[in-house]
PDB file of all heavy atoms in Angstrom:
ATOM      1  N   GLN A   1       3.568   2.571   7.087  1.00  0.00           N
ATOM      2  CA  GLN A   1       2.355   2.597   7.801  1.00  0.00           C
ATOM      3  C   GLN A   1       1.157   3.317   7.120  1.00  0.00           C
ATOM      4  O   GLN A   1      -0.009   2.879   7.068  1.00  0.00           O
ATOM      5  CB  GLN A   1       2.565   3.197   9.205  1.00  0.00           C
ATOM      6  CG  GLN A   1       3.558   2.391  10.100  1.00  0.00           C
ATOM      7  CD  GLN A   1       3.096   0.985  10.301  1.00  0.00           C
ATOM      8  OE1 GLN A   1       1.936   0.712  10.450  1.00  0.00           O
ATOM      9  NE2 GLN A   1       4.026   0.054  10.449  1.00  0.00           N
ATOM     10  N   THR A   2       1.490   4.451   6.417  1.00  0.00           N
ATOM     11  CA  THR A   2       0.501   5.202   5.691  1.00  0.00           C
ATOM     12  C   THR A   2      -0.033   4.320   4.575  1.00  0.00           C
ATOM     13  O   THR A   2      -1.289   4.325   4.330  1.00  0.00           O
ATOM     14  CB  THR A   2       1.142   6.435   5.205  1.00  0.00           C
ATOM     15  OG1 THR A   2       1.590   7.275   6.184  1.00  0.00           O
ATOM     16  CG2 THR A   2       0.222   7.266   4.319  1.00  0.00           C
ATOM     17  N   ILE A   3       0.850   3.745   3.843  1.00  0.00           N
ATOM     18  CA  ILE A   3       0.399   3.024   2.674  1.00  0.00           C
ATOM     19  C   ILE A   3      -0.416   1.745   3.078  1.00  0.00           C
ATOM     20  O   ILE A   3      -1.480   1.491   2.537  1.00  0.00           O
ATOM     21  CB  ILE A   3       1.661   2.477   1.874  1.00  0.00           C
ATOM     22  CG1 ILE A   3       2.338   3.702   1.245  1.00  0.00           C
ATOM     23  CG2 ILE A   3       1.180   1.480   0.737  1.00  0.00           C
ATOM     24  CD1 ILE A   3       3.733   3.333   0.652  1.00  0.00           C
ATOM     25  N   VAL A   4       0.023   1.054   4.134  1.00  0.00           N
ATOM     26  CA  VAL A   4      -0.756  -0.135   4.569  1.00  0.00           C
ATOM     27  C   VAL A   4      -2.124   0.231   5.146  1.00  0.00           C
ATOM     28  O   VAL A   4      -3.156  -0.398   4.832  1.00  0.00           O
ATOM     29  CB  VAL A   4       0.032  -0.810   5.686  1.00  0.00           C
ATOM     30  CG1 VAL A   4      -0.760  -1.802   6.470  1.00  0.00           C
ATOM     31  CG2 VAL A   4       1.235  -1.564   5.049  1.00  0.00           C
ATOM     32  N   ALA A   5      -2.227   1.324   5.827  1.00  0.00           N
ATOM     33  CA  ALA A   5      -3.494   1.753   6.383  1.00  0.00           C
ATOM     34  C   ALA A   5      -4.426   2.101   5.198  1.00  0.00           C
ATOM     35  O   ALA A   5      -5.619   1.752   5.250  1.00  0.00           O
ATOM     36  CB  ALA A   5      -3.341   2.951   7.223  1.00  0.00           C
ATOM     37  N   GLU A   6      -3.953   2.713   4.308  1.00  0.00           N
ATOM     38  CA  GLU A   6      -4.856   3.205   3.095  1.00  0.00           C
ATOM     39  C   GLU A   6      -5.200   2.020   2.291  1.00  0.00           C
ATOM     40  O   GLU A   6      -6.511   1.820   1.948  1.00  0.00           O
ATOM     41  CB  GLU A   6      -4.098   4.208   2.250  1.00  0.00           C
ATOM     42  CG  GLU A   6      -4.937   4.725   1.018  1.00  0.00           C
ATOM     43  CD  GLU A   6      -4.231   5.713   0.312  1.00  0.00           C
ATOM     44  OE1 GLU A   6      -3.672   6.658   0.898  1.00  0.00           O
ATOM     45  OE2 GLU A   6      -4.173   5.609  -0.992  1.00  0.00           O
ATOM     46  N   LYS A   7      -4.283   1.211   1.945  1.00  0.00           N
ATOM     47  CA  LYS A   7      -4.548   0.058   0.992  1.00  0.00           C
ATOM     48  C   LYS A   7      -5.381  -1.009   1.645  1.00  0.00           C
ATOM     49  O   LYS A   7      -6.328  -1.527   1.056  1.00  0.00           O
ATOM     50  CB  LYS A   7      -3.238  -0.586   0.561  1.00  0.00           C
ATOM     51  CG  LYS A   7      -2.311   0.286  -0.280  1.00  0.00           C
ATOM     52  CD  LYS A   7      -2.821   0.543  -1.636  1.00  0.00           C
ATOM     53  CE  LYS A   7      -1.835   1.247  -2.473  1.00  0.00           C
ATOM     54  NZ  LYS A   7      -2.339   1.508  -3.951  1.00  0.00           N
ATOM     55  N   ASN A   8      -5.134  -1.278   2.992  1.00  0.00           N
ATOM     56  CA  ASN A   8      -5.856  -2.345   3.650  1.00  0.00           C
ATOM     57  C   ASN A   8      -7.311  -1.918   3.906  1.00  0.00           C
ATOM     58  O   ASN A   8      -8.180  -2.715   4.053  1.00  0.00           O
ATOM     59  CB  ASN A   8      -5.223  -2.717   4.875  1.00  0.00           C
ATOM     60  CG  ASN A   8      -4.018  -3.552   4.604  1.00  0.00           C
ATOM     61  OD1 ASN A   8      -3.684  -4.057   3.576  1.00  0.00           O
ATOM     62  ND2 ASN A   8      -3.094  -3.719   5.671  1.00  0.00           N
ATOM     63  N   ALA A   9      -7.538  -0.575   4.029  1.00  0.00           N
ATOM     64  CA  ALA A   9      -8.897  -0.166   4.171  1.00  0.00           C
ATOM     65  C   ALA A   9      -9.852  -0.348   3.109  1.00  0.00           C
ATOM     66  O   ALA A   9     -11.067  -0.308   3.250  1.00  0.00           O
ATOM     67  CB  ALA A   9      -8.847   1.364   4.524  1.00  0.00           C
ATOM     68  N   THR A  10      -9.265  -0.626   1.934  1.00  0.00           N
ATOM     69  CA  THR A  10     -10.048  -0.802   0.736  1.00  0.00           C
ATOM     70  C   THR A  10     -10.045  -2.192   0.190  1.00  0.00           C
ATOM     71  O   THR A  10     -10.476  -2.394  -1.035  1.00  0.00           O
ATOM     72  CB  THR A  10      -9.664   0.180  -0.422  1.00  0.00           C
ATOM     73  OG1 THR A  10      -8.265  -0.011  -0.733  1.00  0.00           O
ATOM     74  CG2 THR A  10      -9.869   1.696   0.110  1.00  0.00           C
ATOM     75  N   LEU A  11      -9.519  -3.101   0.897  1.00  0.00           N
ATOM     76  CA  LEU A  11      -9.367  -4.478   0.414  1.00  0.00           C
ATOM     77  C   LEU A  11     -10.822  -5.137   0.238  1.00  0.00           C
ATOM     78  O   LEU A  11     -11.686  -4.982   0.987  1.00  0.00           O
ATOM     79  CB  LEU A  11      -8.595  -5.328   1.434  1.00  0.00           C
ATOM     80  CG  LEU A  11      -7.129  -5.079   1.472  1.00  0.00           C
ATOM     81  CD1 LEU A  11      -6.476  -6.087   2.591  1.00  0.00           C
ATOM     82  CD2 LEU A  11      -6.447  -5.277   0.147  1.00  0.00           C
ATOM     83  N   ALA A  12     -10.871  -5.827  -0.853  1.00  0.00           N
ATOM     84  CA  ALA A  12     -12.065  -6.666  -1.041  1.00  0.00           C
ATOM     85  C   ALA A  12     -12.047  -7.939  -0.238  1.00  0.00           C
ATOM     86  O   ALA A  12     -10.963  -8.295   0.230  1.00  0.00           O
ATOM     87  CB  ALA A  12     -12.227  -7.047  -2.547  1.00  0.00           C
ATOM     88  N   GLU A  13     -13.150  -8.505   0.034  1.00  0.00           N
ATOM     89  CA  GLU A  13     -13.247  -9.732   0.829  1.00  0.00           C
ATOM     90  C   GLU A  13     -12.391 -10.855   0.211  1.00  0.00           C
ATOM     91  O   GLU A  13     -12.421 -11.064  -0.980  1.00  0.00           O
ATOM     92  CB  GLU A  13     -14.676 -10.263   0.907  1.00  0.00           C
ATOM     93  CG  GLU A  13     -14.912 -11.371   1.837  1.00  0.00           C
ATOM     94  CD  GLU A  13     -16.282 -11.853   2.099  1.00  0.00           C
ATOM     95  OE1 GLU A  13     -17.251 -11.007   1.523  1.00  0.00           O
ATOM     96  OE2 GLU A  13     -16.591 -12.820   2.637  1.00  0.00           O
ATOM     97  N   GLY A  14     -11.501 -11.427   1.127  1.00  0.00           N
ATOM     98  CA  GLY A  14     -10.710 -12.483   0.681  1.00  0.00           C
ATOM     99  C   GLY A  14      -9.366 -12.099   0.242  1.00  0.00           C
ATOM    100  O   GLY A  14      -8.354 -12.944   0.027  1.00  0.00           O
ATOM    101  N   GLN A  15      -9.095 -10.725  -0.014  1.00  0.00           N
ATOM    102  CA  GLN A  15      -7.825 -10.286  -0.355  1.00  0.00           C
ATOM    103  C   GLN A  15      -6.801 -10.306   0.870  1.00  0.00           C
ATOM    104  O   GLN A  15      -7.221  -9.938   1.964  1.00  0.00           O
ATOM    105  CB  GLN A  15      -7.792  -8.930  -0.931  1.00  0.00           C
ATOM    106  CG  GLN A  15      -8.386  -8.833  -2.347  1.00  0.00           C
ATOM    107  CD  GLN A  15      -8.322  -7.401  -2.911  1.00  0.00           C
ATOM    108  OE1 GLN A  15      -8.840  -6.478  -2.310  1.00  0.00           O
ATOM    109  NE2 GLN A  15      -7.753  -7.300  -4.140  1.00  0.00           N
ATOM    110  N   GLU A  16      -5.597 -10.630   0.625  1.00  0.00           N
ATOM    111  CA  GLU A  16      -4.583 -10.632   1.695  1.00  0.00           C
ATOM    112  C   GLU A  16      -4.185  -9.203   2.039  1.00  0.00           C
ATOM    113  O   GLU A  16      -3.914  -8.342   1.149  1.00  0.00           O
ATOM    114  CB  GLU A  16      -3.358 -11.436   1.257  1.00  0.00           C
ATOM    115  CG  GLU A  16      -3.531 -12.897   1.141  1.00  0.00           C
ATOM    116  CD  GLU A  16      -3.697 -13.477   2.528  1.00  0.00           C
ATOM    117  OE1 GLU A  16      -3.084 -12.948   3.504  1.00  0.00           O
ATOM    118  OE2 GLU A  16      -4.418 -14.537   2.596  1.00  0.00           O
ATOM    119  N   PRO A  17      -4.202  -8.808   3.264  1.00  0.00           N
ATOM    120  CA  PRO A  17      -3.727  -7.466   3.684  1.00  0.00           C
ATOM    121  C   PRO A  17      -2.245  -7.267   3.440  1.00  0.00           C
ATOM    122  O   PRO A  17      -1.473  -8.217   3.490  1.00  0.00           O
ATOM    123  CB  PRO A  17      -4.078  -7.448   5.165  1.00  0.00           C
ATOM    124  CG  PRO A  17      -4.095  -8.828   5.628  1.00  0.00           C
ATOM    125  CD  PRO A  17      -4.585  -9.704   4.462  1.00  0.00           C
ATOM    126  N   LEU A  18      -1.926  -6.099   3.266  1.00  0.00           N
ATOM    127  CA  LEU A  18      -0.459  -5.747   3.034  1.00  0.00           C
ATOM    128  C   LEU A  18       0.168  -5.807   4.452  1.00  0.00           C
ATOM    129  O   LEU A  18      -0.396  -5.482   5.445  1.00  0.00           O
ATOM    130  CB  LEU A  18      -0.320  -4.297   2.492  1.00  0.00           C
ATOM    131  CG  LEU A  18      -0.665  -4.003   0.999  1.00  0.00           C
ATOM    132  CD1 LEU A  18      -0.448  -2.622   0.633  1.00  0.00           C
ATOM    133  CD2 LEU A  18       0.118  -5.002   0.090  1.00  0.00           C
ATOM    134  N   VAL A  19       1.477  -6.105   4.464  1.00  0.00           N
ATOM    135  CA  VAL A  19       2.319  -6.075   5.660  1.00  0.00           C
ATOM    136  C   VAL A  19       3.372  -5.019   5.552  1.00  0.00           C
ATOM    137  O   VAL A  19       4.093  -5.024   4.536  1.00  0.00           O
ATOM    138  CB  VAL A  19       2.937  -7.430   5.960  1.00  0.00           C
ATOM    139  CG1 VAL A  19       3.774  -7.471   7.134  1.00  0.00           C
ATOM    140  CG2 VAL A  19       1.910  -8.576   6.088  1.00  0.00           C
ATOM    141  N   ALA A  20       3.374  -4.094   6.431  1.00  0.00           N
ATOM    142  CA  ALA A  20       4.212  -2.947   6.371  1.00  0.00           C
ATOM    143  C   ALA A  20       5.685  -3.241   6.186  1.00  0.00           C
ATOM    144  O   ALA A  20       6.380  -2.639   5.283  1.00  0.00           O
ATOM    145  CB  ALA A  20       4.133  -2.104   7.626  1.00  0.00           C
ATOM    146  N   GLU A  21       6.205  -4.245   6.776  1.00  0.00           N
ATOM    147  CA  GLU A  21       7.574  -4.628   6.717  1.00  0.00           C
ATOM    148  C   GLU A  21       8.043  -5.126   5.340  1.00  0.00           C
ATOM    149  O   GLU A  21       9.151  -5.261   5.004  1.00  0.00           O
ATOM    150  CB  GLU A  21       7.994  -5.683   7.759  1.00  0.00           C
ATOM    151  CG  GLU A  21       8.004  -5.135   9.228  1.00  0.00           C
ATOM    152  CD  GLU A  21       6.544  -4.967   9.774  1.00  0.00           C
ATOM    153  OE1 GLU A  21       5.552  -5.387   9.246  1.00  0.00           O
ATOM    154  OE2 GLU A  21       6.371  -4.162  10.770  1.00  0.00           O
ATOM    155  N   ASN A  22       7.002  -5.530   4.631  1.00  0.00           N
ATOM    156  CA  ASN A  22       7.274  -6.039   3.281  1.00  0.00           C
ATOM    157  C   ASN A  22       7.472  -5.051   2.200  1.00  0.00           C
ATOM    158  O   ASN A  22       7.960  -5.306   1.042  1.00  0.00           O
ATOM    159  CB  ASN A  22       6.180  -7.043   2.748  1.00  0.00           C
ATOM    160  CG  ASN A  22       6.162  -8.305   3.641  1.00  0.00           C
ATOM    161  OD1 ASN A  22       7.147  -8.660   4.242  1.00  0.00           O
ATOM    162  ND2 ASN A  22       5.019  -8.988   3.625  1.00  0.00           N
ATOM    163  N   LEU A  23       7.064  -3.810   2.559  1.00  0.00           N
ATOM    164  CA  LEU A  23       7.168  -2.747   1.541  1.00  0.00           C
ATOM    165  C   LEU A  23       8.638  -2.144   1.440  1.00  0.00           C
ATOM    166  O   LEU A  23       9.289  -1.994   2.437  1.00  0.00           O
ATOM    167  CB  LEU A  23       6.206  -1.606   1.925  1.00  0.00           C
ATOM    168  CG  LEU A  23       4.711  -1.950   1.975  1.00  0.00           C
ATOM    169  CD1 LEU A  23       3.813  -0.727   2.424  1.00  0.00           C
ATOM    170  CD2 LEU A  23       4.245  -2.417   0.633  1.00  0.00           C
ATOM    171  N   THR A  24       8.980  -1.845   0.223  1.00  0.00           N
ATOM    172  CA  THR A  24      10.367  -1.425  -0.031  1.00  0.00           C
ATOM    173  C   THR A  24      10.339   0.081  -0.445  1.00  0.00           C
ATOM    174  O   THR A  24       9.252   0.678  -0.606  1.00  0.00           O
ATOM    175  CB  THR A  24      10.966  -2.190  -1.223  1.00  0.00           C
ATOM    176  OG1 THR A  24      10.189  -1.896  -2.413  1.00  0.00           O
ATOM    177  CG2 THR A  24      10.951  -3.683  -0.912  1.00  0.00           C
ATOM    178  N   GLN A  25      11.514   0.628  -0.564  1.00  0.00           N
ATOM    179  CA  GLN A  25      11.552   2.046  -1.019  1.00  0.00           C
ATOM    180  C   GLN A  25      10.937   2.184  -2.374  1.00  0.00           C
ATOM    181  O   GLN A  25      10.337   3.207  -2.709  1.00  0.00           O
ATOM    182  CB  GLN A  25      13.021   2.512  -1.033  1.00  0.00           C
ATOM    183  CG  GLN A  25      13.744   2.639   0.268  1.00  0.00           C
ATOM    184  CD  GLN A  25      13.338   3.851   1.022  1.00  0.00           C
ATOM    185  OE1 GLN A  25      12.262   4.520   0.790  1.00  0.00           O
ATOM    186  NE2 GLN A  25      14.203   4.304   1.991  1.00  0.00           N
ATOM    187  N   GLU A  26      11.187   1.140  -3.165  1.00  0.00           N
ATOM    188  CA  GLU A  26      10.535   1.152  -4.565  1.00  0.00           C
ATOM    189  C   GLU A  26       9.027   1.293  -4.439  1.00  0.00           C
ATOM    190  O   GLU A  26       8.364   1.930  -5.221  1.00  0.00           O
ATOM    191  CB  GLU A  26      10.972   0.008  -5.357  1.00  0.00           C
ATOM    192  CG  GLU A  26      12.446  -0.011  -5.831  1.00  0.00           C
ATOM    193  CD  GLU A  26      13.449  -0.495  -4.775  1.00  0.00           C
ATOM    194  OE1 GLU A  26      12.959  -0.785  -3.581  1.00  0.00           O
ATOM    195  OE2 GLU A  26      14.617  -0.460  -5.041  1.00  0.00           O
ATOM    196  N   ASP A  27       8.493   0.544  -3.525  1.00  0.00           N
ATOM    197  CA  ASP A  27       7.036   0.543  -3.270  1.00  0.00           C
ATOM    198  C   ASP A  27       6.570   1.931  -2.954  1.00  0.00           C
ATOM    199  O   ASP A  27       5.450   2.404  -3.356  1.00  0.00           O
ATOM    200  CB  ASP A  27       6.628  -0.490  -2.258  1.00  0.00           C
ATOM    201  CG  ASP A  27       6.805  -1.904  -2.617  1.00  0.00           C
ATOM    202  OD1 ASP A  27       6.662  -2.185  -3.848  1.00  0.00           O
ATOM    203  OD2 ASP A  27       7.198  -2.727  -1.775  1.00  0.00           O
ATOM    204  N   VAL A  28       7.351   2.638  -2.130  1.00  0.00           N
ATOM    205  CA  VAL A  28       6.899   3.942  -1.577  1.00  0.00           C
ATOM    206  C   VAL A  28       6.993   4.896  -2.777  1.00  0.00           C
ATOM    207  O   VAL A  28       6.099   5.725  -2.973  1.00  0.00           O
ATOM    208  CB  VAL A  28       7.886   4.403  -0.489  1.00  0.00           C
ATOM    209  CG1 VAL A  28       7.603   5.855  -0.150  1.00  0.00           C
ATOM    210  CG2 VAL A  28       7.709   3.616   0.751  1.00  0.00           C
ATOM    211  N   VAL A  29       8.029   4.848  -3.601  1.00  0.00           N
ATOM    212  CA  VAL A  29       8.102   5.751  -4.735  1.00  0.00           C
ATOM    213  C   VAL A  29       7.055   5.485  -5.709  1.00  0.00           C
ATOM    214  O   VAL A  29       6.329   6.465  -6.243  1.00  0.00           O
ATOM    215  CB  VAL A  29       9.472   5.607  -5.503  1.00  0.00           C
ATOM    216  CG1 VAL A  29       9.558   6.469  -6.805  1.00  0.00           C
ATOM    217  CG2 VAL A  29      10.645   6.025  -4.555  1.00  0.00           C
ATOM    218  N   THR A  30       6.703   4.243  -5.930  1.00  0.00           N
ATOM    219  CA  THR A  30       5.573   3.907  -6.801  1.00  0.00           C
ATOM    220  C   THR A  30       4.187   4.436  -6.325  1.00  0.00           C
ATOM    221  O   THR A  30       3.450   4.955  -7.030  1.00  0.00           O
ATOM    222  CB  THR A  30       5.467   2.331  -6.938  1.00  0.00           C
ATOM    223  OG1 THR A  30       6.654   1.844  -7.588  1.00  0.00           O
ATOM    224  CG2 THR A  30       4.215   1.916  -7.790  1.00  0.00           C
ATOM    225  N   TYR A  31       3.990   4.343  -4.978  1.00  0.00           N
ATOM    226  CA  TYR A  31       2.883   4.838  -4.356  1.00  0.00           C
ATOM    227  C   TYR A  31       2.775   6.390  -4.504  1.00  0.00           C
ATOM    228  O   TYR A  31       1.589   6.871  -4.834  1.00  0.00           O
ATOM    229  CB  TYR A  31       2.862   4.519  -2.858  1.00  0.00           C
ATOM    230  CG  TYR A  31       1.784   5.206  -2.068  1.00  0.00           C
ATOM    231  CD1 TYR A  31       0.531   4.658  -1.925  1.00  0.00           C
ATOM    232  CD2 TYR A  31       2.148   6.314  -1.203  1.00  0.00           C
ATOM    233  CE1 TYR A  31      -0.408   5.351  -1.113  1.00  0.00           C
ATOM    234  CE2 TYR A  31       1.247   6.951  -0.482  1.00  0.00           C
ATOM    235  CZ  TYR A  31      -0.074   6.438  -0.361  1.00  0.00           C
ATOM    236  OH  TYR A  31      -0.997   7.043   0.398  1.00  0.00           O
ATOM    237  N   ILE A  32       3.825   7.038  -4.309  1.00  0.00           N
ATOM    238  CA  ILE A  32       3.872   8.543  -4.521  1.00  0.00           C
ATOM    239  C   ILE A  32       3.446   8.901  -5.915  1.00  0.00           C
ATOM    240  O   ILE A  32       2.704   9.882  -6.121  1.00  0.00           O
ATOM    241  CB  ILE A  32       5.194   9.072  -4.111  1.00  0.00           C
ATOM    242  CG1 ILE A  32       5.378   8.987  -2.605  1.00  0.00           C
ATOM    243  CG2 ILE A  32       5.253  10.558  -4.461  1.00  0.00           C
ATOM    244  CD1 ILE A  32       6.699   9.304  -2.010  1.00  0.00           C
ATOM    245  N   LEU A  33       4.006   8.191  -6.940  1.00  0.00           N
ATOM    246  CA  LEU A  33       3.698   8.473  -8.236  1.00  0.00           C
ATOM    247  C   LEU A  33       2.193   8.218  -8.559  1.00  0.00           C
ATOM    248  O   LEU A  33       1.575   9.018  -9.225  1.00  0.00           O
ATOM    249  CB  LEU A  33       4.510   7.701  -9.248  1.00  0.00           C
ATOM    250  CG  LEU A  33       6.102   7.948  -9.144  1.00  0.00           C
ATOM    251  CD1 LEU A  33       6.738   7.026 -10.095  1.00  0.00           C
ATOM    252  CD2 LEU A  33       6.369   9.335  -9.518  1.00  0.00           C
ATOM    253  N   GLU A  34       1.674   7.155  -8.051  1.00  0.00           N
ATOM    254  CA  GLU A  34       0.308   6.799  -8.249  1.00  0.00           C
ATOM    255  C   GLU A  34      -0.651   7.785  -7.571  1.00  0.00           C
ATOM    256  O   GLU A  34      -1.770   8.110  -8.046  1.00  0.00           O
ATOM    257  CB  GLU A  34       0.003   5.420  -7.668  1.00  0.00           C
ATOM    258  CG  GLU A  34       0.598   4.319  -8.592  1.00  0.00           C
ATOM    259  CD  GLU A  34       0.499   2.891  -7.906  1.00  0.00           C
ATOM    260  OE1 GLU A  34      -0.029   2.870  -6.806  1.00  0.00           O
ATOM    261  OE2 GLU A  34       0.788   1.918  -8.557  1.00  0.00           O
ATOM    262  N   LYS A  35      -0.244   8.344  -6.468  1.00  0.00           N
ATOM    263  CA  LYS A  35      -1.096   9.315  -5.684  1.00  0.00           C
ATOM    264  C   LYS A  35      -1.115  10.731  -6.362  1.00  0.00           C
ATOM    265  O   LYS A  35      -1.959  11.544  -6.027  1.00  0.00           O
ATOM    266  CB  LYS A  35      -0.577   9.455  -4.289  1.00  0.00           C
ATOM    267  CG  LYS A  35      -0.841   8.149  -3.364  1.00  0.00           C
ATOM    268  CD  LYS A  35      -2.280   8.153  -2.987  1.00  0.00           C
ATOM    269  CE  LYS A  35      -2.728   9.223  -1.973  1.00  0.00           C
ATOM    270  NZ  LYS A  35      -4.179   9.082  -1.570  1.00  0.00           N
ATOM    271  N   ASN A  36      -0.183  10.910  -7.210  1.00  0.00           N
ATOM    272  CA  ASN A  36      -0.011  12.188  -7.850  1.00  0.00           C
ATOM    273  C   ASN A  36       0.100  12.055  -9.334  1.00  0.00           C
ATOM    274  O   ASN A  36       1.108  12.237  -9.971  1.00  0.00           O
ATOM    275  CB  ASN A  36       1.262  12.912  -7.355  1.00  0.00           C
ATOM    276  CG  ASN A  36       1.207  13.153  -5.781  1.00  0.00           C
ATOM    277  OD1 ASN A  36       0.525  14.128  -5.397  1.00  0.00           O
ATOM    278  ND2 ASN A  36       1.845  12.351  -4.953  1.00  0.00           N
ATOM    279  N   PRO A  37      -1.117  11.815  -9.934  1.00  0.00           N
ATOM    280  CA  PRO A  37      -1.082  11.462 -11.380  1.00  0.00           C
ATOM    281  C   PRO A  37      -0.859  12.665 -12.309  1.00  0.00           C
ATOM    282  O   PRO A  37      -0.624  12.463 -13.502  1.00  0.00           O
ATOM    283  CB  PRO A  37      -2.527  10.885 -11.559  1.00  0.00           C
ATOM    284  CG  PRO A  37      -3.321  11.605 -10.489  1.00  0.00           C
ATOM    285  CD  PRO A  37      -2.432  11.658  -9.328  1.00  0.00           C
TER     286      PRO A  37
END
């Protein structure tokens, strides 16, 4: 829910919104690494 809220808030017009249920543990780890460069 955290990732979807953040990512979807910055979508450009025409981009498909993220769906929370589609995100995996790998996606979460990737997000954490990207948020902490």
